[in-house]
Amino acid sequence: MFGLFRKKDASPAITDKVVIGESAKWDALLDAWDKNKNSVLVFWFEESLRQAEDYFRNKTGDPVPLLLVREVLSPQRAGRELLFAEHYPLRSKEEELYRALDLEKVTVYSSLREPLFRQFGGEKIIQLMQQLGMKEDEVIGHSMISKAIRQAQEKIEQQTPIDLSARSQEDWIRNNYKP
């Protein structure tokens, strides 16, 4: 009645899979795609997609389906599992897309060397992880990591008055985020 008891739009469950280096991230994505050839890799930034194209071209003879976010509503995506190859710096923009796609679960692959992580001590985290014995290509995921990423995105959002588009995550941060 009157929508009082209707469930609030719930955000999907986000699983973060984090590695230290970029090559390890591409390998983890390729491995995930090898396990489910019905998946498609999704990118927020053109530069990331170009890097993935170059990397996968040298690693596999099979064409790996890669799409920019603006293309995920296309027929190429129909019925396929989406594997996100990076986070967008603004949490609200990610959640808006996830709701538009009616996703219940989202998997995002990240590297601690990405510009988003560099803004929040990524190099220190890398040193700590290596001291704890983490290998460059070891994939980690934990609710604490996802929470830290979400908090970083929210902090960026608070200090970003306008969302100017960019070709890369690094350009986006340089043009939008003024800590």
N, C-alpha and C. Protein backbone atom coordinates (compact mmCIF):
# COMPACT_ATOMS: atom_id res chain seq x y z
N MET A 1 0.83 -1.17 0.00
CA MET A 1 0.00 0.00 0.00
C MET A 1 0.89 1.24 0.00
N PHE A 2 0.70 2.11 -0.95
CA PHE A 2 1.43 3.36 -1.10
C PHE A 2 2.94 3.17 -1.18
N GLY A 3 3.39 1.95 -1.36
CA GLY A 3 4.83 1.71 -1.49
C GLY A 3 5.59 1.81 -0.18
N LEU A 4 4.88 1.87 0.94
CA LEU A 4 5.57 2.01 2.22
C LEU A 4 6.41 0.79 2.57
N PHE A 5 5.94 -0.36 2.15
CA PHE A 5 6.63 -1.58 2.54
C PHE A 5 7.43 -2.19 1.39
N ARG A 6 7.51 -1.45 0.31
CA ARG A 6 8.27 -1.92 -0.84
C ARG A 6 9.76 -1.88 -0.50
N LYS A 7 10.45 -2.88 -0.97
CA LYS A 7 11.88 -2.96 -0.72
C LYS A 7 12.60 -1.85 -1.48
N LYS A 8 13.51 -1.18 -0.80
CA LYS A 8 14.32 -0.15 -1.43
C LYS A 8 15.17 -0.80 -2.52
N ASP A 9 15.45 -0.04 -3.60
CA ASP A 9 16.31 -0.57 -4.65
C ASP A 9 17.62 -1.03 -4.03
N ALA A 10 17.82 -2.32 -4.02
CA ALA A 10 19.02 -2.88 -3.42
C ALA A 10 20.16 -2.85 -4.42
N SER A 11 21.33 -2.55 -3.92
CA SER A 11 22.52 -2.61 -4.77
C SER A 11 22.90 -4.07 -4.91
N PRO A 12 23.49 -4.41 -6.04
CA PRO A 12 23.89 -5.81 -6.22
C PRO A 12 25.06 -6.16 -5.31
N ALA A 13 25.25 -7.44 -5.09
CA ALA A 13 26.40 -7.91 -4.32
C ALA A 13 27.63 -7.78 -5.22
N ILE A 14 28.62 -7.04 -4.75
CA ILE A 14 29.83 -6.81 -5.54
C ILE A 14 30.96 -7.66 -4.98
N THR A 15 31.56 -8.44 -5.85
CA THR A 15 32.73 -9.23 -5.50
C THR A 15 33.94 -8.59 -6.17
N ASP A 16 34.87 -8.14 -5.36
CA ASP A 16 36.10 -7.55 -5.88
C ASP A 16 37.18 -8.61 -5.91
N LYS A 17 37.85 -8.70 -7.04
CA LYS A 17 38.99 -9.61 -7.20
C LYS A 17 40.18 -8.73 -7.52
N VAL A 18 41.10 -8.66 -6.57
CA VAL A 18 42.21 -7.71 -6.65
C VAL A 18 43.54 -8.44 -6.73
N VAL A 19 44.40 -7.95 -7.61
CA VAL A 19 45.76 -8.46 -7.75
C VAL A 19 46.71 -7.27 -7.65
N ILE A 20 48.00 -7.55 -7.57
CA ILE A 20 48.95 -6.45 -7.46
C ILE A 20 49.16 -5.75 -8.80
N GLY A 21 49.50 -6.51 -9.85
CA GLY A 21 49.89 -5.90 -11.12
C GLY A 21 48.85 -5.98 -12.21
N GLU A 22 49.02 -5.12 -13.22
CA GLU A 22 48.10 -5.08 -14.37
C GLU A 22 48.11 -6.39 -15.15
N SER A 23 49.29 -6.93 -15.43
CA SER A 23 49.37 -8.19 -16.18
C SER A 23 48.63 -9.30 -15.45
N ALA A 24 48.76 -9.31 -14.13
CA ALA A 24 48.06 -10.32 -13.34
C ALA A 24 46.55 -10.13 -13.44
N LYS A 25 46.10 -8.89 -13.53
CA LYS A 25 44.66 -8.63 -13.68
C LYS A 25 44.18 -9.17 -15.02
N TRP A 26 44.94 -8.90 -16.09
CA TRP A 26 44.53 -9.40 -17.41
C TRP A 26 44.52 -10.93 -17.41
N ASP A 27 45.52 -11.54 -16.76
CA ASP A 27 45.55 -13.01 -16.68
C ASP A 27 44.34 -13.55 -15.91
N ALA A 28 43.98 -12.89 -14.81
CA ALA A 28 42.82 -13.33 -14.02
C ALA A 28 41.53 -13.20 -14.83
N LEU A 29 41.40 -12.12 -15.59
CA LEU A 29 40.22 -11.95 -16.44
C LEU A 29 40.18 -13.00 -17.54
N LEU A 30 41.34 -13.27 -18.14
CA LEU A 30 41.40 -14.29 -19.19
C LEU A 30 41.05 -15.66 -18.63
N ASP A 31 41.53 -15.95 -17.43
CA ASP A 31 41.22 -17.22 -16.77
C ASP A 31 39.71 -17.32 -16.50
N ALA A 32 39.11 -16.24 -16.01
CA ALA A 32 37.67 -16.24 -15.75
C ALA A 32 36.89 -16.44 -17.04
N TRP A 33 37.33 -15.81 -18.12
CA TRP A 33 36.66 -15.98 -19.40
C TRP A 33 36.84 -17.40 -19.94
N ASP A 34 38.05 -17.98 -19.75
CA ASP A 34 38.29 -19.36 -20.17
C ASP A 34 37.34 -20.32 -19.46
N LYS A 35 37.02 -20.04 -18.20
CA LYS A 35 36.13 -20.90 -17.43
C LYS A 35 34.66 -20.71 -17.83
N ASN A 36 34.34 -19.55 -18.38
CA ASN A 36 32.97 -19.28 -18.82
C ASN A 36 33.01 -18.45 -20.10
N LYS A 37 33.03 -19.15 -21.22
CA LYS A 37 33.13 -18.47 -22.52
C LYS A 37 31.86 -17.69 -22.85
N ASN A 38 30.85 -17.82 -22.01
CA ASN A 38 29.63 -17.05 -22.21
C ASN A 38 29.70 -15.70 -21.48
N SER A 39 30.87 -15.33 -21.01
CA SER A 39 31.02 -14.05 -20.33
C SER A 39 31.60 -13.02 -21.29
N VAL A 40 31.45 -11.77 -20.90
CA VAL A 40 31.99 -10.65 -21.68
C VAL A 40 32.69 -9.72 -20.69
N LEU A 41 33.84 -9.18 -21.10
CA LEU A 41 34.60 -8.29 -20.24
C LEU A 41 34.17 -6.85 -20.52
N VAL A 42 33.89 -6.11 -19.46
CA VAL A 42 33.34 -4.76 -19.58
C VAL A 42 34.31 -3.73 -19.01
N PHE A 43 34.47 -2.63 -19.75
CA PHE A 43 35.42 -1.58 -19.40
C PHE A 43 34.72 -0.23 -19.32
N TRP A 44 35.12 0.55 -18.32
CA TRP A 44 34.61 1.91 -18.20
C TRP A 44 35.39 2.86 -19.10
N PHE A 45 36.65 2.55 -19.35
CA PHE A 45 37.53 3.49 -20.07
C PHE A 45 38.12 2.86 -21.33
N GLU A 46 38.16 3.65 -22.40
CA GLU A 46 38.67 3.19 -23.70
C GLU A 46 40.12 2.73 -23.61
N GLU A 47 40.93 3.44 -22.87
CA GLU A 47 42.35 3.08 -22.77
C GLU A 47 42.52 1.70 -22.14
N SER A 48 41.73 1.38 -21.15
CA SER A 48 41.80 0.06 -20.52
C SER A 48 41.40 -1.02 -21.51
N LEU A 49 40.37 -0.76 -22.30
CA LEU A 49 39.93 -1.72 -23.30
C LEU A 49 41.04 -1.95 -24.33
N ARG A 50 41.70 -0.89 -24.76
CA ARG A 50 42.81 -1.02 -25.74
C ARG A 50 43.96 -1.85 -25.15
N GLN A 51 44.29 -1.61 -23.90
CA GLN A 51 45.35 -2.39 -23.25
C GLN A 51 44.97 -3.87 -23.20
N ALA A 52 43.72 -4.14 -22.87
CA ALA A 52 43.25 -5.53 -22.80
C ALA A 52 43.30 -6.18 -24.18
N GLU A 53 42.87 -5.45 -25.21
CA GLU A 53 42.93 -5.99 -26.58
C GLU A 53 44.36 -6.40 -26.93
N ASP A 54 45.31 -5.53 -26.65
CA ASP A 54 46.72 -5.82 -26.96
C ASP A 54 47.20 -7.04 -26.17
N TYR A 55 46.86 -7.07 -24.90
CA TYR A 55 47.31 -8.17 -24.04
C TYR A 55 46.72 -9.50 -24.49
N PHE A 56 45.41 -9.53 -24.72
CA PHE A 56 44.75 -10.79 -25.09
C PHE A 56 45.16 -11.26 -26.47
N ARG A 57 45.44 -10.34 -27.37
CA ARG A 57 45.88 -10.71 -28.72
C ARG A 57 47.15 -11.55 -28.66
N ASN A 58 48.02 -11.24 -27.71
CA ASN A 58 49.28 -11.97 -27.55
C ASN A 58 49.15 -13.23 -26.71
N LYS A 59 48.03 -13.39 -26.01
CA LYS A 59 47.86 -14.51 -25.08
C LYS A 59 46.97 -15.64 -25.59
N THR A 60 46.05 -15.31 -26.49
CA THR A 60 45.10 -16.33 -26.93
C THR A 60 44.73 -16.13 -28.40
N GLY A 61 44.44 -17.22 -29.05
CA GLY A 61 44.00 -17.15 -30.43
C GLY A 61 42.51 -16.92 -30.54
N ASP A 62 41.81 -17.14 -29.44
CA ASP A 62 40.36 -16.96 -29.43
C ASP A 62 40.01 -15.48 -29.24
N PRO A 63 38.99 -15.00 -29.93
CA PRO A 63 38.56 -13.62 -29.71
C PRO A 63 37.84 -13.49 -28.36
N VAL A 64 38.37 -12.65 -27.49
CA VAL A 64 37.77 -12.41 -26.18
C VAL A 64 36.79 -11.24 -26.33
N PRO A 65 35.52 -11.43 -25.96
CA PRO A 65 34.55 -10.34 -26.11
C PRO A 65 34.79 -9.22 -25.10
N LEU A 66 35.05 -8.03 -25.63
CA LEU A 66 35.34 -6.85 -24.82
C LEU A 66 34.35 -5.75 -25.20
N LEU A 67 33.74 -5.14 -24.20
CA LEU A 67 32.79 -4.06 -24.46
C LEU A 67 33.05 -2.88 -23.54
N LEU A 68 32.82 -1.69 -24.05
CA LEU A 68 32.77 -0.51 -23.19
C LEU A 68 31.40 -0.50 -22.50
N VAL A 69 31.32 0.16 -21.37
CA VAL A 69 30.07 0.23 -20.62
C VAL A 69 28.92 0.70 -21.50
N ARG A 70 29.18 1.68 -22.36
CA ARG A 70 28.10 2.21 -23.20
C ARG A 70 27.57 1.18 -24.20
N GLU A 71 28.27 0.06 -24.36
CA GLU A 71 27.86 -0.98 -25.31
C GLU A 71 27.17 -2.18 -24.64
N VAL A 72 27.08 -2.20 -23.32
CA VAL A 72 26.57 -3.40 -22.65
C VAL A 72 25.08 -3.64 -22.86
N LEU A 73 24.37 -2.66 -23.35
CA LEU A 73 22.96 -2.87 -23.65
C LEU A 73 22.76 -3.39 -25.07
N SER A 74 23.86 -3.60 -25.78
CA SER A 74 23.80 -4.06 -27.16
C SER A 74 23.48 -5.56 -27.22
N PRO A 75 23.10 -6.05 -28.40
CA PRO A 75 22.82 -7.48 -28.56
C PRO A 75 24.03 -8.37 -28.25
N GLN A 76 25.25 -7.82 -28.36
CA GLN A 76 26.45 -8.61 -28.05
C GLN A 76 26.44 -9.12 -26.62
N ARG A 77 25.79 -8.39 -25.74
CA ARG A 77 25.78 -8.73 -24.32
C ARG A 77 24.69 -9.73 -23.97
N ALA A 78 23.67 -9.83 -24.76
CA ALA A 78 22.46 -10.59 -24.44
C ALA A 78 22.76 -11.94 -23.80
N GLY A 79 22.30 -12.11 -22.55
CA GLY A 79 22.41 -13.38 -21.85
C GLY A 79 23.81 -13.74 -21.37
N ARG A 80 24.74 -12.84 -21.48
CA ARG A 80 26.11 -13.15 -21.08
C ARG A 80 26.41 -12.59 -19.70
N GLU A 81 27.29 -13.29 -18.99
CA GLU A 81 27.75 -12.80 -17.69
C GLU A 81 28.72 -11.66 -17.92
N LEU A 82 28.56 -10.58 -17.15
CA LEU A 82 29.45 -9.43 -17.26
C LEU A 82 30.56 -9.53 -16.22
N LEU A 83 31.79 -9.37 -16.68
CA LEU A 83 32.95 -9.31 -15.79
C LEU A 83 33.56 -7.93 -15.97
N PHE A 84 33.49 -7.12 -14.94
CA PHE A 84 34.00 -5.75 -15.04
C PHE A 84 35.51 -5.73 -14.82
N ALA A 85 36.21 -5.02 -15.71
CA ALA A 85 37.67 -5.01 -15.69
C ALA A 85 38.24 -3.84 -14.90
N GLU A 86 37.38 -3.07 -14.28
CA GLU A 86 37.84 -1.93 -13.47
C GLU A 86 36.64 -1.30 -12.79
N HIS A 87 36.94 -0.50 -11.78
CA HIS A 87 35.90 0.29 -11.13
C HIS A 87 35.84 1.65 -11.79
N TYR A 88 34.66 2.25 -11.75
CA TYR A 88 34.54 3.66 -12.11
C TYR A 88 34.81 4.43 -10.83
N PRO A 89 35.48 5.58 -10.89
CA PRO A 89 35.80 6.30 -9.65
C PRO A 89 34.60 6.73 -8.81
N LEU A 90 33.43 6.91 -9.42
CA LEU A 90 32.24 7.32 -8.68
C LEU A 90 31.32 6.14 -8.43
N ARG A 91 31.07 5.86 -7.19
CA ARG A 91 30.22 4.73 -6.80
C ARG A 91 28.81 4.87 -7.37
N SER A 92 28.26 6.07 -7.32
CA SER A 92 26.88 6.26 -7.76
C SER A 92 26.71 5.92 -9.24
N LYS A 93 27.70 6.22 -10.05
CA LYS A 93 27.61 5.91 -11.48
C LYS A 93 27.65 4.40 -11.70
N GLU A 94 28.48 3.70 -10.94
CA GLU A 94 28.50 2.24 -11.02
C GLU A 94 27.14 1.67 -10.64
N GLU A 95 26.62 2.10 -9.51
CA GLU A 95 25.35 1.56 -9.03
C GLU A 95 24.21 1.86 -9.99
N GLU A 96 24.24 3.03 -10.61
CA GLU A 96 23.22 3.39 -11.60
C GLU A 96 23.24 2.39 -12.76
N LEU A 97 24.44 2.05 -13.24
CA LEU A 97 24.55 1.08 -14.33
C LEU A 97 24.06 -0.29 -13.88
N TYR A 98 24.49 -0.73 -12.71
CA TYR A 98 24.09 -2.05 -12.22
C TYR A 98 22.57 -2.16 -12.10
N ARG A 99 21.93 -1.09 -11.62
CA ARG A 99 20.47 -1.10 -11.52
C ARG A 99 19.83 -1.11 -12.91
N ALA A 100 20.38 -0.32 -13.83
CA ALA A 100 19.83 -0.28 -15.20
C ALA A 100 19.92 -1.65 -15.87
N LEU A 101 20.97 -2.40 -15.55
CA LEU A 101 21.15 -3.73 -16.12
C LEU A 101 20.45 -4.81 -15.30
N ASP A 102 19.86 -4.40 -14.17
CA ASP A 102 19.16 -5.31 -13.27
C ASP A 102 20.07 -6.46 -12.81
N LEU A 103 21.28 -6.09 -12.42
CA LEU A 103 22.25 -7.10 -11.98
C LEU A 103 22.07 -7.39 -10.49
N GLU A 104 22.16 -8.65 -10.14
CA GLU A 104 22.10 -9.04 -8.74
C GLU A 104 23.49 -9.23 -8.17
N LYS A 105 24.41 -9.69 -9.03
CA LYS A 105 25.79 -9.91 -8.62
C LYS A 105 26.71 -9.26 -9.64
N VAL A 106 27.79 -8.68 -9.15
CA VAL A 106 28.78 -8.03 -10.01
C VAL A 106 30.16 -8.47 -9.56
N THR A 107 31.00 -8.82 -10.53
CA THR A 107 32.40 -9.14 -10.23
C THR A 107 33.27 -8.10 -10.91
N VAL A 108 34.15 -7.48 -10.11
CA VAL A 108 35.04 -6.44 -10.63
C VAL A 108 36.48 -6.86 -10.36
N TYR A 109 37.29 -6.83 -11.40
CA TYR A 109 38.71 -7.15 -11.30
C TYR A 109 39.49 -5.84 -11.25
N SER A 110 40.46 -5.77 -10.34
CA SER A 110 41.25 -4.55 -10.18
C SER A 110 42.70 -4.90 -9.90
N SER A 111 43.55 -3.94 -10.19
CA SER A 111 44.97 -4.04 -9.86
C SER A 111 45.30 -2.94 -8.86
N LEU A 112 46.11 -3.27 -7.88
CA LEU A 112 46.51 -2.26 -6.89
C LEU A 112 47.37 -1.16 -7.52
N ARG A 113 47.80 -1.36 -8.75
CA ARG A 113 48.60 -0.35 -9.45
C ARG A 113 47.73 0.60 -10.29
N GLU A 114 46.42 0.42 -10.27
CA GLU A 114 45.53 1.31 -11.01
C GLU A 114 45.50 2.69 -10.37
N PRO A 115 45.23 3.73 -11.16
CA PRO A 115 45.19 5.09 -10.63
C PRO A 115 44.23 5.27 -9.45
N LEU A 116 43.10 4.58 -9.46
CA LEU A 116 42.15 4.69 -8.36
C LEU A 116 42.81 4.28 -7.03
N PHE A 117 43.57 3.20 -7.05
CA PHE A 117 44.23 2.73 -5.83
C PHE A 117 45.41 3.61 -5.44
N ARG A 118 46.08 4.18 -6.43
CA ARG A 118 47.22 5.06 -6.14
C ARG A 118 46.78 6.28 -5.34
N GLN A 119 45.52 6.70 -5.52
CA GLN A 119 45.01 7.86 -4.78
C GLN A 119 44.90 7.59 -3.28
N PHE A 120 44.83 6.32 -2.92
CA PHE A 120 44.60 5.96 -1.53
C PHE A 120 45.65 5.00 -1.00
N GLY A 121 46.91 5.26 -1.34
CA GLY A 121 48.01 4.49 -0.78
C GLY A 121 48.22 3.12 -1.37
N GLY A 122 47.94 2.96 -2.63
CA GLY A 122 48.10 1.67 -3.30
C GLY A 122 49.49 1.09 -3.16
N GLU A 123 50.51 1.93 -3.26
CA GLU A 123 51.89 1.44 -3.15
C GLU A 123 52.18 0.90 -1.75
N LYS A 124 51.64 1.55 -0.73
CA LYS A 124 51.83 1.06 0.64
C LYS A 124 51.11 -0.28 0.83
N ILE A 125 49.94 -0.39 0.23
CA ILE A 125 49.19 -1.64 0.32
C ILE A 125 49.97 -2.75 -0.37
N ILE A 126 50.56 -2.44 -1.53
CA ILE A 126 51.36 -3.43 -2.26
C ILE A 126 52.52 -3.90 -1.39
N GLN A 127 53.23 -2.97 -0.76
CA GLN A 127 54.36 -3.34 0.11
C GLN A 127 53.90 -4.24 1.24
N LEU A 128 52.78 -3.89 1.86
CA LEU A 128 52.25 -4.70 2.95
C LEU A 128 51.88 -6.09 2.47
N MET A 129 51.19 -6.17 1.34
CA MET A 129 50.77 -7.47 0.81
C MET A 129 51.98 -8.34 0.46
N GLN A 130 53.01 -7.72 -0.10
CA GLN A 130 54.21 -8.48 -0.44
C GLN A 130 54.93 -8.96 0.82
N GLN A 131 54.94 -8.13 1.86
CA GLN A 131 55.55 -8.55 3.13
C GLN A 131 54.78 -9.72 3.73
N LEU A 132 53.49 -9.77 3.47
CA LEU A 132 52.66 -10.87 3.97
C LEU A 132 52.76 -12.11 3.08
N GLY A 133 53.53 -12.00 1.99
CA GLY A 133 53.76 -13.15 1.13
C GLY A 133 52.85 -13.24 -0.09
N MET A 134 52.10 -12.19 -0.37
CA MET A 134 51.23 -12.22 -1.55
C MET A 134 52.07 -12.12 -2.81
N LYS A 135 51.75 -12.97 -3.77
CA LYS A 135 52.44 -12.94 -5.05
C LYS A 135 51.74 -11.96 -6.00
N GLU A 136 52.48 -11.48 -6.99
CA GLU A 136 51.98 -10.50 -7.96
C GLU A 136 50.67 -10.95 -8.62
N ASP A 137 50.56 -12.26 -8.89
CA ASP A 137 49.40 -12.77 -9.62
C ASP A 137 48.35 -13.43 -8.73
N GLU A 138 48.51 -13.30 -7.43
CA GLU A 138 47.55 -13.90 -6.50
C GLU A 138 46.30 -13.03 -6.41
N VAL A 139 45.14 -13.64 -6.60
CA VAL A 139 43.87 -12.92 -6.55
C VAL A 139 43.34 -12.96 -5.13
N ILE A 140 43.02 -11.78 -4.60
CA ILE A 140 42.43 -11.72 -3.27
C ILE A 140 41.07 -11.04 -3.37
N GLY A 141 40.22 -11.42 -2.48
CA GLY A 141 38.90 -10.81 -2.40
C GLY A 141 38.39 -10.96 -0.98
N HIS A 142 37.86 -9.90 -0.44
CA HIS A 142 37.35 -9.94 0.92
C HIS A 142 36.38 -8.77 1.08
N SER A 143 35.41 -8.93 1.94
CA SER A 143 34.43 -7.86 2.15
C SER A 143 35.11 -6.57 2.63
N MET A 144 36.22 -6.69 3.38
CA MET A 144 36.94 -5.50 3.83
C MET A 144 37.53 -4.74 2.64
N ILE A 145 38.01 -5.46 1.64
CA ILE A 145 38.57 -4.82 0.44
C ILE A 145 37.46 -4.10 -0.31
N SER A 146 36.34 -4.77 -0.49
CA SER A 146 35.20 -4.14 -1.19
C SER A 146 34.72 -2.91 -0.44
N LYS A 147 34.68 -2.98 0.88
CA LYS A 147 34.25 -1.83 1.68
C LYS A 147 35.23 -0.67 1.53
N ALA A 148 36.53 -0.96 1.53
CA ALA A 148 37.54 0.09 1.37
C ALA A 148 37.43 0.75 0.00
N ILE A 149 37.18 -0.04 -1.04
CA ILE A 149 37.01 0.51 -2.39
C ILE A 149 35.78 1.40 -2.42
N ARG A 150 34.69 0.94 -1.85
CA ARG A 150 33.45 1.72 -1.82
C ARG A 150 33.67 3.06 -1.09
N GLN A 151 34.38 3.02 0.04
CA GLN A 151 34.64 4.25 0.79
C GLN A 151 35.53 5.20 0.00
N ALA A 152 36.50 4.66 -0.73
CA ALA A 152 37.36 5.50 -1.57
C ALA A 152 36.53 6.17 -2.66
N GLN A 153 35.64 5.40 -3.29
CA GLN A 153 34.78 5.96 -4.33
C GLN A 153 33.88 7.06 -3.76
N GLU A 154 33.36 6.84 -2.58
CA GLU A 154 32.49 7.83 -1.95
C GLU A 154 33.26 9.09 -1.61
N LYS A 155 34.50 8.95 -1.17
CA LYS A 155 35.34 10.11 -0.88
C LYS A 155 35.61 10.91 -2.16
N ILE A 156 35.92 10.20 -3.23
CA ILE A 156 36.14 10.87 -4.52
C ILE A 156 34.87 11.60 -4.93
N GLU A 157 33.74 10.95 -4.77
CA GLU A 157 32.47 11.55 -5.17
C GLU A 157 32.18 12.84 -4.41
N GLN A 158 32.51 12.87 -3.14
CA GLN A 158 32.28 14.07 -2.32
C GLN A 158 33.12 15.24 -2.81
N GLN A 159 34.25 14.95 -3.44
CA GLN A 159 35.16 16.01 -3.87
C GLN A 159 35.17 16.19 -5.39
N THR A 160 34.14 15.69 -6.04
CA THR A 160 34.05 15.79 -7.50
C THR A 160 32.74 16.47 -7.87
N PRO A 161 32.79 17.78 -8.16
CA PRO A 161 31.55 18.49 -8.47
C PRO A 161 30.93 18.11 -9.82
N ILE A 162 31.78 17.82 -10.81
CA ILE A 162 31.30 17.47 -12.15
C ILE A 162 32.04 16.23 -12.62
N ASP A 163 31.32 15.33 -13.27
CA ASP A 163 31.90 14.10 -13.80
C ASP A 163 32.24 14.31 -15.28
N LEU A 164 33.48 14.74 -15.55
CA LEU A 164 33.93 14.93 -16.92
C LEU A 164 34.43 13.61 -17.47
N SER A 165 33.99 13.25 -18.66
CA SER A 165 34.40 11.96 -19.23
C SER A 165 35.89 12.00 -19.58
N ALA A 166 36.48 10.80 -19.68
CA ALA A 166 37.91 10.69 -19.99
C ALA A 166 38.16 9.35 -20.67
N ARG A 167 39.30 9.26 -21.35
CA ARG A 167 39.67 8.03 -22.06
C ARG A 167 40.30 6.99 -21.13
N SER A 168 40.81 7.44 -19.98
CA SER A 168 41.46 6.51 -19.06
C SER A 168 41.11 6.88 -17.63
N GLN A 169 41.31 5.93 -16.73
CA GLN A 169 41.06 6.18 -15.32
C GLN A 169 42.01 7.27 -14.81
N GLU A 170 43.24 7.23 -15.28
CA GLU A 170 44.23 8.23 -14.88
C GLU A 170 43.80 9.63 -15.32
N ASP A 171 43.36 9.77 -16.58
CA ASP A 171 42.87 11.07 -17.07
C ASP A 171 41.64 11.52 -16.28
N TRP A 172 40.75 10.57 -15.98
CA TRP A 172 39.55 10.93 -15.23
C TRP A 172 39.94 11.53 -13.88
N ILE A 173 40.85 10.87 -13.18
CA ILE A 173 41.25 11.35 -11.86
C ILE A 173 41.94 12.71 -11.98
N ARG A 174 42.81 12.87 -12.95
CA ARG A 174 43.51 14.14 -13.14
C ARG A 174 42.51 15.28 -13.45
N ASN A 175 41.48 15.00 -14.25
CA ASN A 175 40.54 16.04 -14.67
C ASN A 175 39.39 16.30 -13.70
N ASN A 176 39.10 15.34 -12.83
CA ASN A 176 37.91 15.45 -11.99
C ASN A 176 38.17 15.53 -10.49
N TYR A 177 39.14 14.81 -10.02
CA TYR A 177 39.33 14.65 -8.57
C TYR A 177 40.35 15.64 -8.05
N LYS A 178 39.90 16.51 -7.18
CA LYS A 178 40.77 17.53 -6.58
C LYS A 178 40.78 17.34 -5.06
N PRO A 179 41.66 16.46 -4.55
CA PRO A 179 41.66 16.21 -3.10
C PRO A 179 42.10 17.42 -2.28
